Every structure is written in C-alpha cells, then in structure tokens.
Amino acid sequence: MEKATNNQLRLRYALAFLTLFALEAFIALRVRDRFVRPYLGDVMVVWVVYCFVRAVRPRGWKRLPLYVFWFAALVEWLQFLNLSDLPVFAGNPIARVVLGSVFDWADILCYGTGCLVLALAEQWAGKRRT
C-alpha cells in the first residue's frame, strides 16, 4: 500500500473536519434528546478539533489526542469561570456557542472518551502501516 502524501492527508482530514463540523452543527441545532446532543456531541467535538489540526499538520504530534483533550478541558474550565458572560462575548452568539456557558464534569468525561477513541485509532492506524 502506498503511503499518502501530506497534501492527500490534509485533504482527507479537511473533508473529515467539514463533515464532522456539519454533523455537530446539525446535532446542536436540531437534536433534542438525552444522549446524542449532551454526550455523543461532546465525544465528537474533540474529533472535529483533531481533524482541523491534522488538516493543517497531518503528521507528527504523537500525543495530539492528549493535547486536544487538554484544549477541550481548558474550554470547559473557562465555562466554569463564566468567561462567556463577559461583555466582549455576551453579544456574540458564535463566541457563546464555541465557549459554551455551563461547566459540567460529564463533558470532560465525554472529551476524554473521544480522545481515547482518537488515540486508539491512531495506534491501530500505526500498526496497519507497519
């Protein structure tokens, strides 16, 4: 099997990012349930971030799932500090959606689950290449 070039990988990750982002937007705007939106959506959001980073830098950063988890946990911590209530963000609905507004330990658990799936997928893909 031929090894994909960086540009091919960037394209694949960019398409995955766009697909996952669209799915996340659909979930956020249309799904009103007790599992997909509050849990699966939070698991998937770290996949969106991961694919975005990989679209920019397709190789390297062996610990990227861990870095994505730290980033997601930081955003959640900023919710705890009510950052979205600051006047600079209060009038901006996009900023409020990205930052969120309610701290929840379950969200951090979901981010960890999503990043664990990413780490296992990376490990599996690495073994497939060898």
N, C-alpha and C. Protein backbone atom coordinates (compact mmCIF):
# COMPACT_ATOMS: atom_id res chain seq x y z
N MET A 1 0.84 -1.17 0.00
CA MET A 1 0.00 0.00 0.00
C MET A 1 0.89 1.24 0.00
N GLU A 2 0.57 2.21 -0.85
CA GLU A 2 1.35 3.44 -0.95
C GLU A 2 1.05 4.34 0.23
N LYS A 3 2.08 5.04 0.67
CA LYS A 3 1.92 5.99 1.75
C LYS A 3 1.33 7.29 1.19
N ALA A 4 0.31 7.81 1.85
CA ALA A 4 -0.34 9.03 1.39
C ALA A 4 0.60 10.22 1.57
N THR A 5 0.54 11.16 0.64
CA THR A 5 1.33 12.37 0.76
C THR A 5 0.69 13.30 1.79
N ASN A 6 1.45 14.29 2.23
CA ASN A 6 0.91 15.26 3.19
C ASN A 6 -0.31 15.97 2.63
N ASN A 7 -0.27 16.32 1.35
CA ASN A 7 -1.43 17.01 0.75
C ASN A 7 -2.66 16.11 0.69
N GLN A 8 -2.46 14.82 0.41
CA GLN A 8 -3.59 13.89 0.41
C GLN A 8 -4.17 13.76 1.82
N LEU A 9 -3.29 13.67 2.80
CA LEU A 9 -3.76 13.58 4.18
C LEU A 9 -4.48 14.86 4.60
N ARG A 10 -3.93 16.02 4.21
CA ARG A 10 -4.60 17.28 4.53
C ARG A 10 -6.02 17.32 3.96
N LEU A 11 -6.15 16.88 2.73
CA LEU A 11 -7.47 16.87 2.10
C LEU A 11 -8.41 15.93 2.84
N ARG A 12 -7.94 14.74 3.18
CA ARG A 12 -8.78 13.78 3.90
C ARG A 12 -9.24 14.34 5.24
N TYR A 13 -8.28 14.93 5.97
CA TYR A 13 -8.63 15.49 7.27
C TYR A 13 -9.54 16.71 7.13
N ALA A 14 -9.32 17.52 6.11
CA ALA A 14 -10.19 18.68 5.88
C ALA A 14 -11.61 18.23 5.58
N LEU A 15 -11.76 17.20 4.76
CA LEU A 15 -13.09 16.67 4.46
C LEU A 15 -13.74 16.06 5.70
N ALA A 16 -12.95 15.35 6.50
CA ALA A 16 -13.47 14.79 7.75
C ALA A 16 -13.90 15.92 8.69
N PHE A 17 -13.08 16.98 8.76
CA PHE A 17 -13.41 18.14 9.59
C PHE A 17 -14.74 18.74 9.16
N LEU A 18 -14.89 19.00 7.86
CA LEU A 18 -16.11 19.63 7.36
C LEU A 18 -17.33 18.76 7.61
N THR A 19 -17.18 17.46 7.41
CA THR A 19 -18.28 16.52 7.63
C THR A 19 -18.69 16.48 9.10
N LEU A 20 -17.68 16.33 9.96
CA LEU A 20 -17.97 16.27 11.40
C LEU A 20 -18.53 17.60 11.92
N PHE A 21 -17.99 18.71 11.40
CA PHE A 21 -18.47 20.02 11.81
C PHE A 21 -19.94 20.19 11.42
N ALA A 22 -20.29 19.78 10.21
CA ALA A 22 -21.68 19.86 9.76
C ALA A 22 -22.58 18.98 10.63
N LEU A 23 -22.11 17.80 10.96
CA LEU A 23 -22.88 16.90 11.82
C LEU A 23 -23.05 17.49 13.22
N GLU A 24 -21.99 18.09 13.75
CA GLU A 24 -22.07 18.74 15.06
C GLU A 24 -23.06 19.90 15.03
N ALA A 25 -23.04 20.69 13.95
CA ALA A 25 -23.98 21.80 13.83
C ALA A 25 -25.41 21.29 13.78
N PHE A 26 -25.64 20.22 13.03
CA PHE A 26 -26.97 19.61 12.95
C PHE A 26 -27.43 19.15 14.34
N ILE A 27 -26.53 18.47 15.05
CA ILE A 27 -26.87 17.99 16.39
C ILE A 27 -27.22 19.16 17.30
N ALA A 28 -26.39 20.22 17.26
CA ALA A 28 -26.61 21.37 18.14
C ALA A 28 -27.92 22.09 17.83
N LEU A 29 -28.28 22.15 16.55
CA LEU A 29 -29.45 22.93 16.15
C LEU A 29 -30.75 22.13 16.11
N ARG A 30 -30.66 20.83 15.87
CA ARG A 30 -31.88 20.06 15.60
C ARG A 30 -32.18 18.90 16.55
N VAL A 31 -31.16 18.37 17.22
CA VAL A 31 -31.38 17.18 18.04
C VAL A 31 -31.71 17.59 19.47
N ARG A 32 -32.79 17.09 19.97
CA ARG A 32 -33.23 17.38 21.34
C ARG A 32 -33.52 16.05 22.03
N ASP A 33 -32.48 15.43 22.51
CA ASP A 33 -32.65 14.15 23.20
C ASP A 33 -31.78 14.13 24.44
N ARG A 34 -31.67 12.97 25.06
CA ARG A 34 -30.90 12.86 26.30
C ARG A 34 -29.60 12.09 26.14
N PHE A 35 -29.22 11.77 24.90
CA PHE A 35 -27.95 11.07 24.69
C PHE A 35 -27.10 11.70 23.61
N VAL A 36 -27.63 11.81 22.39
CA VAL A 36 -26.83 12.27 21.26
C VAL A 36 -26.31 13.69 21.51
N ARG A 37 -27.20 14.61 21.80
CA ARG A 37 -26.75 16.00 21.96
C ARG A 37 -25.86 16.17 23.19
N PRO A 38 -26.26 15.71 24.36
CA PRO A 38 -25.42 16.01 25.53
C PRO A 38 -24.16 15.15 25.65
N TYR A 39 -24.15 13.96 25.09
CA TYR A 39 -22.98 13.08 25.29
C TYR A 39 -22.23 12.80 23.99
N LEU A 40 -22.91 12.25 23.00
CA LEU A 40 -22.23 11.92 21.75
C LEU A 40 -21.69 13.18 21.08
N GLY A 41 -22.42 14.27 21.16
CA GLY A 41 -21.94 15.53 20.60
C GLY A 41 -20.64 15.97 21.23
N ASP A 42 -20.51 15.79 22.55
CA ASP A 42 -19.27 16.16 23.24
C ASP A 42 -18.14 15.19 22.94
N VAL A 43 -18.44 13.94 22.71
CA VAL A 43 -17.41 12.99 22.29
C VAL A 43 -16.90 13.39 20.91
N MET A 44 -17.82 13.76 20.03
CA MET A 44 -17.46 14.07 18.64
C MET A 44 -16.75 15.42 18.48
N VAL A 45 -17.00 16.36 19.39
CA VAL A 45 -16.42 17.69 19.21
C VAL A 45 -14.89 17.63 19.25
N VAL A 46 -14.33 16.72 20.03
CA VAL A 46 -12.86 16.60 20.04
C VAL A 46 -12.36 16.01 18.73
N TRP A 47 -13.19 15.22 18.05
CA TRP A 47 -12.81 14.70 16.73
C TRP A 47 -12.75 15.84 15.72
N VAL A 48 -13.66 16.81 15.86
CA VAL A 48 -13.67 17.98 14.97
C VAL A 48 -12.36 18.75 15.14
N VAL A 49 -11.99 19.01 16.38
CA VAL A 49 -10.76 19.75 16.67
C VAL A 49 -9.55 18.97 16.15
N TYR A 50 -9.53 17.67 16.39
CA TYR A 50 -8.42 16.82 15.95
C TYR A 50 -8.27 16.89 14.42
N CYS A 51 -9.36 16.73 13.71
CA CYS A 51 -9.31 16.75 12.23
C CYS A 51 -8.88 18.12 11.72
N PHE A 52 -9.30 19.19 12.39
CA PHE A 52 -8.87 20.52 11.99
C PHE A 52 -7.35 20.66 12.13
N VAL A 53 -6.83 20.23 13.26
CA VAL A 53 -5.37 20.31 13.47
C VAL A 53 -4.64 19.44 12.46
N ARG A 54 -5.14 18.24 12.22
CA ARG A 54 -4.49 17.34 11.26
C ARG A 54 -4.59 17.87 9.82
N ALA A 55 -5.62 18.63 9.51
CA ALA A 55 -5.71 19.23 8.17
C ALA A 55 -4.59 20.25 7.97
N VAL A 56 -4.16 20.87 9.05
CA VAL A 56 -3.06 21.83 8.99
C VAL A 56 -1.71 21.11 9.09
N ARG A 57 -1.62 20.17 10.01
CA ARG A 57 -0.37 19.42 10.23
C ARG A 57 -0.71 17.93 10.26
N PRO A 58 -0.66 17.27 9.10
CA PRO A 58 -1.14 15.89 9.02
C PRO A 58 -0.25 14.85 9.71
N ARG A 59 0.99 15.17 9.93
CA ARG A 59 1.89 14.20 10.57
C ARG A 59 2.55 14.84 11.78
N GLY A 60 3.06 13.99 12.66
CA GLY A 60 3.74 14.49 13.85
C GLY A 60 2.77 14.57 15.02
N TRP A 61 3.26 15.15 16.09
CA TRP A 61 2.48 15.30 17.31
C TRP A 61 1.84 13.98 17.74
N LYS A 62 2.69 13.05 18.17
CA LYS A 62 2.18 11.73 18.56
C LYS A 62 1.15 11.80 19.68
N ARG A 63 1.21 12.84 20.47
CA ARG A 63 0.28 12.97 21.59
C ARG A 63 -0.88 13.92 21.28
N LEU A 64 -1.19 14.11 20.02
CA LEU A 64 -2.24 15.06 19.65
C LEU A 64 -3.57 14.77 20.36
N PRO A 65 -4.02 13.53 20.50
CA PRO A 65 -5.27 13.31 21.24
C PRO A 65 -5.20 13.87 22.67
N LEU A 66 -4.06 13.78 23.31
CA LEU A 66 -3.90 14.33 24.65
C LEU A 66 -3.96 15.86 24.62
N TYR A 67 -3.32 16.46 23.63
CA TYR A 67 -3.36 17.92 23.51
C TYR A 67 -4.77 18.42 23.23
N VAL A 68 -5.50 17.68 22.41
CA VAL A 68 -6.90 18.05 22.13
C VAL A 68 -7.72 17.95 23.41
N PHE A 69 -7.48 16.93 24.20
CA PHE A 69 -8.19 16.79 25.47
C PHE A 69 -7.90 17.98 26.38
N TRP A 70 -6.62 18.34 26.49
CA TRP A 70 -6.27 19.49 27.33
C TRP A 70 -6.96 20.76 26.86
N PHE A 71 -7.00 20.95 25.54
CA PHE A 71 -7.68 22.12 24.98
C PHE A 71 -9.17 22.12 25.35
N ALA A 72 -9.82 20.97 25.16
CA ALA A 72 -11.26 20.86 25.47
C ALA A 72 -11.51 21.08 26.96
N ALA A 73 -10.64 20.53 27.80
CA ALA A 73 -10.79 20.72 29.25
C ALA A 73 -10.58 22.19 29.62
N LEU A 74 -9.66 22.87 28.95
CA LEU A 74 -9.44 24.29 29.19
C LEU A 74 -10.70 25.09 28.84
N VAL A 75 -11.30 24.79 27.70
CA VAL A 75 -12.53 25.49 27.32
C VAL A 75 -13.63 25.23 28.36
N GLU A 76 -13.71 24.00 28.83
CA GLU A 76 -14.71 23.67 29.86
C GLU A 76 -14.42 24.45 31.15
N TRP A 77 -13.15 24.56 31.52
CA TRP A 77 -12.77 25.30 32.72
C TRP A 77 -13.15 26.79 32.56
N LEU A 78 -12.98 27.33 31.35
CA LEU A 78 -13.37 28.71 31.09
C LEU A 78 -14.88 28.89 31.28
N GLN A 79 -15.64 27.83 31.01
CA GLN A 79 -17.08 27.88 31.26
C GLN A 79 -17.34 27.98 32.77
N PHE A 80 -16.55 27.25 33.54
CA PHE A 80 -16.66 27.31 35.00
C PHE A 80 -16.43 28.74 35.49
N LEU A 81 -15.51 29.44 34.83
CA LEU A 81 -15.19 30.82 35.19
C LEU A 81 -16.16 31.84 34.59
N ASN A 82 -17.19 31.35 33.87
CA ASN A 82 -18.21 32.19 33.23
C ASN A 82 -17.63 33.20 32.25
N LEU A 83 -16.63 32.79 31.51
CA LEU A 83 -15.99 33.67 30.53
C LEU A 83 -16.98 34.17 29.49
N SER A 84 -17.94 33.33 29.11
CA SER A 84 -18.90 33.74 28.07
C SER A 84 -19.82 34.86 28.54
N ASP A 85 -19.85 35.16 29.84
CA ASP A 85 -20.68 36.24 30.35
C ASP A 85 -20.01 37.61 30.26
N LEU A 86 -18.72 37.62 29.92
CA LEU A 86 -18.03 38.91 29.77
C LEU A 86 -18.66 39.70 28.63
N PRO A 87 -18.73 41.01 28.77
CA PRO A 87 -19.38 41.84 27.74
C PRO A 87 -18.84 41.61 26.32
N VAL A 88 -17.55 41.33 26.20
CA VAL A 88 -16.96 41.13 24.87
C VAL A 88 -17.56 39.91 24.17
N PHE A 89 -18.00 38.91 24.93
CA PHE A 89 -18.57 37.69 24.34
C PHE A 89 -20.09 37.65 24.42
N ALA A 90 -20.68 38.36 25.37
CA ALA A 90 -22.12 38.26 25.63
C ALA A 90 -22.97 38.58 24.40
N GLY A 91 -22.55 39.53 23.59
CA GLY A 91 -23.33 39.90 22.42
C GLY A 91 -22.99 39.11 21.17
N ASN A 92 -22.09 38.16 21.28
CA ASN A 92 -21.63 37.39 20.12
C ASN A 92 -22.12 35.95 20.24
N PRO A 93 -23.18 35.59 19.51
CA PRO A 93 -23.72 34.23 19.65
C PRO A 93 -22.75 33.13 19.23
N ILE A 94 -21.89 33.41 18.26
CA ILE A 94 -20.92 32.39 17.82
C ILE A 94 -19.92 32.13 18.94
N ALA A 95 -19.42 33.18 19.56
CA ALA A 95 -18.48 33.02 20.67
C ALA A 95 -19.14 32.26 21.82
N ARG A 96 -20.40 32.55 22.08
CA ARG A 96 -21.10 31.87 23.18
C ARG A 96 -21.28 30.38 22.87
N VAL A 97 -21.51 30.03 21.60
CA VAL A 97 -21.64 28.62 21.23
C VAL A 97 -20.30 27.92 21.35
N VAL A 98 -19.24 28.55 20.84
CA VAL A 98 -17.90 27.94 20.88
C VAL A 98 -17.43 27.78 22.33
N LEU A 99 -17.59 28.83 23.13
CA LEU A 99 -17.14 28.78 24.52
C LEU A 99 -18.07 27.96 25.40
N GLY A 100 -19.33 27.93 25.04
CA GLY A 100 -20.30 27.27 25.90
C GLY A 100 -20.60 28.15 27.10
N SER A 101 -21.49 27.70 27.95
CA SER A 101 -21.86 28.54 29.08
C SER A 101 -22.03 27.78 30.39
N VAL A 102 -22.05 26.46 30.35
CA VAL A 102 -22.30 25.68 31.56
C VAL A 102 -21.20 24.65 31.75
N PHE A 103 -20.50 24.75 32.88
CA PHE A 103 -19.49 23.76 33.22
C PHE A 103 -20.16 22.45 33.63
N ASP A 104 -19.60 21.32 33.17
CA ASP A 104 -20.15 20.01 33.53
C ASP A 104 -19.03 18.98 33.48
N TRP A 105 -18.86 18.27 34.59
CA TRP A 105 -17.83 17.22 34.63
C TRP A 105 -18.11 16.14 33.60
N ALA A 106 -19.37 15.90 33.29
CA ALA A 106 -19.72 14.88 32.28
C ALA A 106 -19.15 15.26 30.92
N ASP A 107 -19.07 16.56 30.63
CA ASP A 107 -18.48 17.00 29.36
C ASP A 107 -17.01 16.60 29.30
N ILE A 108 -16.30 16.80 30.39
CA ILE A 108 -14.88 16.44 30.44
C ILE A 108 -14.72 14.93 30.24
N LEU A 109 -15.60 14.15 30.84
CA LEU A 109 -15.57 12.70 30.65
C LEU A 109 -15.81 12.34 29.18
N CYS A 110 -16.74 13.03 28.54
CA CYS A 110 -17.01 12.79 27.12
C CYS A 110 -15.81 13.18 26.26
N TYR A 111 -15.16 14.30 26.57
CA TYR A 111 -13.97 14.70 25.83
C TYR A 111 -12.88 13.64 25.98
N GLY A 112 -12.72 13.14 27.19
CA GLY A 112 -11.74 12.07 27.43
C GLY A 112 -12.06 10.82 26.64
N THR A 113 -13.33 10.46 26.58
CA THR A 113 -13.75 9.29 25.80
C THR A 113 -13.44 9.49 24.33
N GLY A 114 -13.78 10.66 23.80
CA GLY A 114 -13.50 10.95 22.40
C GLY A 114 -12.01 10.91 22.09
N CYS A 115 -11.21 11.44 23.00
CA CYS A 115 -9.75 11.45 22.79
C CYS A 115 -9.16 10.05 22.93
N LEU A 116 -9.74 9.24 23.79
CA LEU A 116 -9.30 7.84 23.91
C LEU A 116 -9.57 7.11 22.60
N VAL A 117 -10.73 7.34 22.00
CA VAL A 117 -11.05 6.75 20.69
C VAL A 117 -10.04 7.20 19.65
N LEU A 118 -9.68 8.49 19.66
CA LEU A 118 -8.68 9.01 18.74
C LEU A 118 -7.32 8.33 18.94
N ALA A 119 -6.90 8.20 20.19
CA ALA A 119 -5.61 7.57 20.49
C ALA A 119 -5.59 6.12 20.03
N LEU A 120 -6.69 5.40 20.28
CA LEU A 120 -6.77 4.00 19.83
C LEU A 120 -6.77 3.92 18.31
N ALA A 121 -7.46 4.85 17.65
CA ALA A 121 -7.48 4.86 16.18
C ALA A 121 -6.09 5.15 15.63
N GLU A 122 -5.38 6.08 16.25
CA GLU A 122 -4.00 6.36 15.82
C GLU A 122 -3.11 5.14 16.00
N GLN A 123 -3.25 4.47 17.13
CA GLN A 123 -2.45 3.27 17.40
C GLN A 123 -2.78 2.18 16.38
N TRP A 124 -4.04 1.97 16.09
CA TRP A 124 -4.46 0.97 15.13
C TRP A 124 -3.93 1.31 13.74
N ALA A 125 -4.05 2.58 13.35
CA ALA A 125 -3.56 3.01 12.04
C ALA A 125 -2.05 2.86 11.94
N GLY A 126 -1.35 3.13 13.02
CA GLY A 126 0.11 2.96 13.04
C GLY A 126 0.51 1.51 12.84
N LYS A 127 -0.21 0.60 13.45
CA LYS A 127 0.08 -0.82 13.29
C LYS A 127 -0.24 -1.30 11.89
N ARG A 128 -1.28 -0.73 11.30
CA ARG A 128 -1.66 -1.10 9.92
C ARG A 128 -0.59 -0.69 8.93
N ARG A 129 0.05 0.45 9.19
CA ARG A 129 1.08 0.95 8.26
C ARG A 129 2.36 0.15 8.32
N THR A 130 2.59 -0.52 9.44
CA THR A 130 3.86 -1.28 9.56
C THR A 130 3.71 -2.70 9.12
